[in-house]
Amino acid sequence: MKSIVNTAFDFKNLSGKYTGKVRDVYFIGSKYLVMVATDRISAFDVVLPCGIPYKGQVLNQTASKFLDATSDIVRNWKIACPDPMVTVGYKCEPLPVEMIVRGYLTGSSWRSYKAGARQICGVEIPDGMREHQKFSHPIITPTTKAEIGEHDQDISKEEIIARGLVPADIYEKVEDIALKLFQRGTEIARRRGLILVDTKYEFGLLDGEVCLMDEIHTPDSSRYFYLDGYQERFLRNEPQKQLSKEFVREWLMDNGFQGKPGQKMPEMTDSIVDGISDRYIELYQAVTGEEFCRAPYDDNIYERIEENIKNMLARL
């Protein structure tokens, strides 16, 4: 099965291109951008050597649905999705931090807690908590936005404001919006029999107003547990049944890789790649309640994507 890991399109009024870990972003003039969700996959801030078929489509369509489902809370950058792997939207001035909202002590926060940390990004974490335990209320643990090849760095609210990364009034607004988005995501997930465990949001300014950017509530940006059986597994100290990219990180850690210097990337066999693809599709169907319709992967896929984008741009 083919996967789309690189794109090289040329559009009218193209003013630049940015290649992220997962997405290729084309800037059209000074007002618009085209975001192509490729099938690249990253973990520990490292892009893995193999693409995952349908991953880009899953990310793009999941994000699109949640952007629509939260547009009453905050304006977002989306204009339209002219292709299953593409969103066209407004170019925003990005804020240089990512807002991570955590409802449960798990993943990297648990690893830090287990190692003795009782404060994450300036937020106090009480003694006596266990892995996958729910916080009394969701917490926000921001990170800086890393350049390609660099790692995101934890940072506190106080440091963000003191360093002038985000003005205090805008940060307060963004923090409030992030918690409201997390609450909406939690409500939608519960209706689907899922728990939204943690997620990240990116914000920018559009016409001077706070605007939600990038993806939202996708398997790359979020972690989900299955609601059914959560409490029983928690009480028995058993691993939670989850839908997220954490299983990729766990597979890498089990094979001795955490993105640290000198570590060797384990081989991504066809069965590993197919398994990851299946998990992404499973999450899409679980979180949206809709059947996933695989877009054709054939020799004309690049032509299809490019034509769909050009038709959309001609209407702007």
Protein backbone atom coordinates (compact mmCIF):
# COMPACT_ATOMS: atom_id res chain seq x y z
CA MET A 1 0.00 0.00 0.00
CA LYS A 2 1.33 3.40 -0.96
CA SER A 3 1.63 6.26 1.48
CA ILE A 4 2.01 9.98 0.87
CA VAL A 5 5.12 11.16 2.68
CA ASN A 6 6.25 14.10 0.54
CA THR A 7 4.50 16.63 -1.68
CA ALA A 8 5.88 19.18 -4.14
CA PHE A 9 2.97 21.17 -5.53
CA ASP A 10 3.15 24.52 -7.29
CA PHE A 11 0.18 26.84 -6.91
CA LYS A 12 -0.64 30.28 -8.24
CA ASN A 13 0.45 33.00 -5.80
CA LEU A 14 2.51 30.50 -3.81
CA SER A 15 4.52 32.57 -1.32
CA GLY A 16 6.25 29.83 0.66
CA LYS A 17 6.18 26.28 1.97
CA TYR A 18 6.72 24.84 5.43
CA THR A 19 7.40 21.16 5.98
CA GLY A 20 6.41 20.04 9.48
CA LYS A 21 6.76 16.67 11.11
CA VAL A 22 3.49 15.50 9.60
CA ARG A 23 2.03 18.26 7.42
CA ASP A 24 3.16 20.15 4.34
CA VAL A 25 1.90 23.74 4.48
CA TYR A 26 1.71 25.91 1.37
CA PHE A 27 1.27 29.65 1.85
CA ILE A 28 -0.88 31.37 -0.75
CA GLY A 29 -0.19 35.09 -0.85
CA SER A 30 -0.35 36.62 2.62
CA LYS A 31 -3.87 35.53 3.56
CA TYR A 32 -4.36 31.81 2.91
CA LEU A 33 -2.64 28.49 3.44
CA VAL A 34 -3.08 24.95 2.18
CA MET A 35 -2.37 22.23 4.74
CA VAL A 36 -1.72 18.76 3.34
CA ALA A 37 -1.91 16.04 6.00
CA THR A 38 0.68 13.55 4.76
CA ASP A 39 1.04 9.97 5.95
CA ARG A 40 4.25 10.78 7.83
CA ILE A 41 4.24 9.80 11.49
CA SER A 42 6.38 11.17 14.31
CA ALA A 43 7.09 10.15 17.88
CA PHE A 44 9.46 11.66 20.43
CA ASP A 45 9.75 14.57 17.95
CA VAL A 46 11.34 12.25 15.37
CA VAL A 47 9.76 11.48 11.99
CA LEU A 48 9.63 7.71 11.54
CA PRO A 49 11.06 6.20 8.34
CA CYS A 50 7.79 4.75 6.97
CA GLY A 51 4.52 6.44 6.14
CA ILE A 52 1.22 5.06 7.43
CA PRO A 53 -1.46 4.59 4.74
CA TYR A 54 -4.64 6.63 5.38
CA LYS A 55 -3.13 8.37 8.41
CA GLY A 56 -3.24 11.76 6.69
CA GLN A 57 -6.87 11.29 5.72
CA VAL A 58 -7.76 10.25 9.27
CA LEU A 59 -6.05 13.29 10.77
CA ASN A 60 -7.48 15.76 8.28
CA GLN A 61 -11.06 14.52 8.45
CA THR A 62 -11.06 14.12 12.24
CA ALA A 63 -9.70 17.64 12.72
CA SER A 64 -12.21 19.03 10.23
CA LYS A 65 -15.15 17.56 12.12
CA PHE A 66 -13.93 18.91 15.46
CA LEU A 67 -13.17 22.33 14.03
CA ASP A 68 -16.79 22.49 12.91
CA ALA A 69 -18.04 21.13 16.25
CA THR A 70 -16.21 23.81 18.26
CA SER A 71 -16.56 26.89 16.03
CA ASP A 72 -19.08 28.38 18.46
CA ILE A 73 -16.38 28.45 21.17
CA VAL A 74 -13.60 30.09 19.16
CA ARG A 75 -12.98 31.11 15.58
CA ASN A 76 -10.76 28.68 13.69
CA TRP A 77 -8.60 28.82 10.60
CA LYS A 78 -10.56 26.39 8.40
CA ILE A 79 -12.27 27.50 5.19
CA ALA A 80 -12.87 24.16 3.46
CA CYS A 81 -11.56 20.62 2.91
CA PRO A 82 -11.31 20.20 -0.88
CA ASP A 83 -9.66 16.78 -0.58
CA PRO A 84 -9.70 14.04 2.08
CA MET A 85 -6.08 14.92 2.94
CA VAL A 86 -6.29 18.71 2.64
CA THR A 87 -7.65 21.72 4.49
CA VAL A 88 -7.53 25.23 3.07
CA GLY A 89 -7.73 28.04 5.58
CA TYR A 90 -6.60 31.41 6.80
CA LYS A 91 -3.00 32.17 7.63
CA CYS A 92 -2.70 33.19 11.29
CA GLU A 93 0.11 34.72 13.31
CA PRO A 94 0.98 31.74 15.54
CA LEU A 95 1.52 32.03 19.26
CA PRO A 96 4.86 30.40 20.19
CA VAL A 97 3.41 27.94 22.72
CA GLU A 98 1.21 24.85 22.61
CA MET A 99 -1.56 24.44 25.17
CA ILE A 100 -1.65 20.89 26.53
CA VAL A 101 -4.74 20.07 28.58
CA ARG A 102 -4.60 16.97 30.78
CA GLY A 103 -7.56 15.33 32.46
CA TYR A 104 -5.65 12.27 33.70
CA LEU A 105 -2.16 11.45 34.96
CA THR A 106 -0.78 9.35 32.13
CA GLY A 107 1.83 9.27 29.38
CA SER A 108 4.71 11.69 29.78
CA SER A 109 3.13 13.31 32.84
CA TRP A 110 2.99 9.91 34.58
CA ARG A 111 6.58 9.15 33.60
CA SER A 112 7.68 12.45 35.17
CA TYR A 113 5.53 11.86 38.25
CA LYS A 114 6.84 8.32 38.66
CA ALA A 115 10.39 9.72 38.53
CA GLY A 116 9.56 12.00 41.47
CA ALA A 117 8.25 15.21 39.91
CA ARG A 118 5.38 16.82 41.80
CA GLN A 119 5.15 19.89 39.64
CA ILE A 120 4.57 19.96 35.87
CA CYS A 121 4.88 23.31 34.07
CA GLY A 122 4.32 25.09 37.37
CA VAL A 123 1.21 23.06 38.20
CA GLU A 124 1.33 21.24 41.54
CA ILE A 125 0.48 17.51 41.42
CA PRO A 126 -0.53 15.93 44.75
CA ASP A 127 1.23 12.94 46.29
CA GLY A 128 -0.36 9.51 46.18
CA MET A 129 -1.70 9.57 42.62
CA ARG A 130 -1.62 6.50 40.40
CA GLU A 131 -1.16 5.97 36.69
CA HIS A 132 -4.27 6.88 34.64
CA GLN A 133 -5.92 8.57 37.64
CA LYS A 134 -8.29 11.44 36.88
CA PHE A 135 -7.28 14.89 38.10
CA SER A 136 -9.78 16.73 40.28
CA HIS A 137 -10.03 19.18 37.37
CA PRO A 138 -8.21 19.42 34.02
CA ILE A 139 -4.79 21.06 34.16
CA ILE A 140 -2.88 23.01 31.51
CA THR A 141 0.80 22.17 30.97
CA PRO A 142 2.11 24.36 28.12
CA THR A 143 5.14 23.67 25.97
CA THR A 144 7.21 25.78 23.65
CA LYS A 145 6.77 25.10 19.93
CA ALA A 146 9.91 23.38 18.72
CA GLU A 147 11.65 23.85 15.41
CA ILE A 148 12.15 20.80 13.20
CA GLY A 149 14.60 18.40 14.84
CA GLU A 150 14.20 19.97 18.27
CA HIS A 151 12.10 18.91 21.23
CA ASP A 152 9.17 20.82 22.71
CA GLN A 153 10.09 22.16 26.13
CA ASP A 154 7.81 22.32 29.16
CA ILE A 155 7.19 25.86 30.32
CA SER A 156 5.02 27.46 33.00
CA LYS A 157 2.35 30.09 32.53
CA GLU A 158 4.41 32.49 34.62
CA GLU A 159 7.50 32.01 32.44
CA ILE A 160 5.50 32.45 29.22
CA ILE A 161 4.24 35.83 30.42
CA ALA A 162 7.54 36.90 32.02
CA ARG A 163 9.47 36.16 28.81
CA GLY A 164 6.91 38.03 26.74
CA LEU A 165 6.12 35.00 24.60
CA VAL A 166 2.40 35.73 24.93
CA PRO A 167 0.89 38.87 26.50
CA ALA A 168 -0.87 38.17 29.79
CA ASP A 169 -4.33 39.16 28.57
CA ILE A 170 -4.09 36.97 25.47
CA TYR A 171 -2.69 34.05 27.47
CA GLU A 172 -5.58 34.23 29.93
CA LYS A 173 -8.04 34.18 27.03
CA VAL A 174 -6.27 31.24 25.36
CA GLU A 175 -6.22 29.28 28.61
CA ASP A 176 -9.96 29.79 29.08
CA ILE A 177 -10.67 28.74 25.48
CA ALA A 178 -8.48 25.64 25.80
CA LEU A 179 -10.44 24.44 28.83
CA LYS A 180 -13.75 25.05 27.04
CA LEU A 181 -12.54 23.11 24.00
CA PHE A 182 -11.42 20.26 26.24
CA GLN A 183 -14.83 20.19 27.91
CA ARG A 184 -16.57 20.05 24.51
CA GLY A 185 -14.23 17.28 23.38
CA THR A 186 -14.87 15.39 26.61
CA GLU A 187 -18.63 15.58 26.09
CA ILE A 188 -18.41 14.38 22.48
CA ALA A 189 -16.04 11.56 23.43
CA ARG A 190 -18.31 10.36 26.23
CA ARG A 191 -21.22 10.10 23.80
CA ARG A 192 -18.99 7.81 21.73
CA GLY A 193 -18.04 5.67 24.72
CA LEU A 194 -14.61 7.25 25.03
CA ILE A 195 -12.66 9.36 27.52
CA LEU A 196 -10.66 12.33 26.22
CA VAL A 197 -7.57 11.92 28.39
CA ASP A 198 -5.35 14.75 27.19
CA THR A 199 -4.82 16.85 24.09
CA LYS A 200 -2.95 19.84 22.70
CA TYR A 201 -4.19 23.02 21.04
CA GLU A 202 -2.38 25.60 18.95
CA PHE A 203 -3.57 29.18 18.70
CA GLY A 204 -2.75 32.24 16.69
CA LEU A 205 -4.05 35.70 15.96
CA LEU A 206 -6.27 36.44 12.97
CA ASP A 207 -7.31 40.03 12.43
CA GLY A 208 -6.18 40.67 16.01
CA GLU A 209 -8.44 37.96 17.47
CA VAL A 210 -7.50 34.61 19.01
CA CYS A 211 -7.97 31.84 16.46
CA LEU A 212 -7.67 28.06 16.81
CA MET A 213 -5.06 26.65 14.43
CA ASP A 214 -3.88 23.28 13.14
CA GLU A 215 -5.53 20.02 14.23
CA ILE A 216 -7.88 19.32 17.12
CA HIS A 217 -8.82 16.11 18.94
CA THR A 218 -7.02 13.83 16.49
CA PRO A 219 -5.05 10.68 17.43
CA ASP A 220 -1.83 12.65 16.92
CA SER A 221 -2.82 15.48 19.23
CA SER A 222 -4.99 13.58 21.73
CA ARG A 223 -5.23 10.47 23.84
CA TYR A 224 -8.47 8.55 24.33
CA PHE A 225 -9.40 5.73 26.70
CA TYR A 226 -12.41 3.49 26.26
CA LEU A 227 -14.98 4.46 28.88
CA ASP A 228 -16.29 0.93 29.29
CA GLY A 229 -14.04 -0.86 31.78
CA TYR A 230 -11.91 2.17 32.64
CA GLN A 231 -12.72 2.12 36.35
CA GLU A 232 -12.27 -1.65 36.69
CA ARG A 233 -8.90 -1.57 34.94
CA PHE A 234 -7.81 1.42 37.05
CA LEU A 235 -8.71 -0.32 40.32
CA ARG A 236 -6.82 -3.44 39.23
CA ASN A 237 -3.77 -1.38 38.15
CA GLU A 238 -4.15 -2.72 34.61
CA PRO A 239 -3.24 -0.90 31.39
CA GLN A 240 -6.10 1.08 29.91
CA LYS A 241 -7.58 0.20 26.55
CA GLN A 242 -6.78 3.30 24.58
CA LEU A 243 -6.93 4.90 21.17
CA SER A 244 -4.02 7.25 20.62
CA LYS A 245 -0.51 7.45 19.25
CA GLU A 246 0.79 6.27 22.63
CA PHE A 247 0.89 2.68 21.37
CA VAL A 248 3.47 3.82 18.79
CA ARG A 249 5.60 5.41 21.52
CA GLU A 250 5.27 2.25 23.63
CA TRP A 251 6.36 0.07 20.70
CA LEU A 252 9.38 2.31 20.16
CA MET A 253 10.29 2.27 23.89
CA ASP A 254 9.92 -1.52 24.00
CA ASN A 255 12.45 -1.62 21.18
CA GLY A 256 14.91 0.72 22.87
CA PHE A 257 14.09 4.00 21.12
CA GLN A 258 13.03 7.30 22.68
CA GLY A 259 14.58 9.73 20.22
CA LYS A 260 17.78 10.08 22.26
CA PRO A 261 21.23 10.43 20.65
CA GLY A 262 22.77 7.11 19.66
CA GLN A 263 19.53 5.15 19.73
CA LYS A 264 18.63 3.12 16.65
CA MET A 265 15.17 3.28 15.10
CA PRO A 266 13.59 -0.22 15.13
CA GLU A 267 12.55 -1.77 11.84
CA MET A 268 9.04 -0.88 10.74
CA THR A 269 7.82 -4.09 9.11
CA ASP A 270 4.74 -4.25 6.88
CA SER A 271 2.75 -5.76 9.74
CA ILE A 272 3.75 -2.92 12.07
CA VAL A 273 2.79 -0.31 9.46
CA ASP A 274 -0.54 -2.02 8.68
CA GLY A 275 -1.31 -2.34 12.38
CA ILE A 276 -0.72 1.36 12.98
CA SER A 277 -2.93 2.22 10.01
CA ASP A 278 -5.72 0.03 11.36
CA ARG A 279 -5.49 1.71 14.77
CA TYR A 280 -5.82 5.17 13.22
CA ILE A 281 -8.88 4.11 11.26
CA GLU A 282 -10.33 2.51 14.42
CA LEU A 283 -9.97 5.78 16.29
CA TYR A 284 -11.61 7.77 13.49
CA GLN A 285 -14.63 5.50 13.52
CA ALA A 286 -14.83 5.42 17.31
CA VAL A 287 -14.52 9.15 17.88
CA THR A 288 -16.74 10.28 14.98
CA GLY A 289 -19.26 7.43 15.02
CA GLU A 290 -18.93 7.24 11.23
CA GLU A 291 -17.57 4.61 8.86
CA PHE A 292 -14.17 5.51 7.41
CA CYS A 293 -14.26 5.71 3.61
CA ARG A 294 -10.79 5.05 2.22
CA ALA A 295 -9.89 7.50 -0.53
CA PRO A 296 -8.28 5.85 -3.57
CA TYR A 297 -4.54 5.26 -3.34
CA ASP A 298 -3.49 4.91 -6.97
CA ASP A 299 -1.01 6.32 -9.46
CA ASN A 300 -3.12 9.46 -9.83
CA ILE A 301 -3.32 10.39 -6.15
CA TYR A 302 -0.96 13.37 -6.40
CA GLU A 303 -2.80 14.67 -9.46
CA ARG A 304 -6.12 14.32 -7.64
CA ILE A 305 -4.90 16.24 -4.59
CA GLU A 306 -3.33 19.01 -6.67
CA GLU A 307 -6.41 19.44 -8.88
CA ASN A 308 -8.76 19.56 -5.90
CA ILE A 309 -6.61 22.24 -4.26
CA LYS A 310 -6.32 24.35 -7.41
CA ASN A 311 -10.10 24.23 -7.91
CA MET A 312 -10.60 25.40 -4.34
CA LEU A 313 -8.04 28.21 -4.58
CA ALA A 314 -9.70 29.47 -7.77
CA ARG A 315 -12.89 30.06 -5.77
CA LEU A 316 -11.24 32.15 -3.03
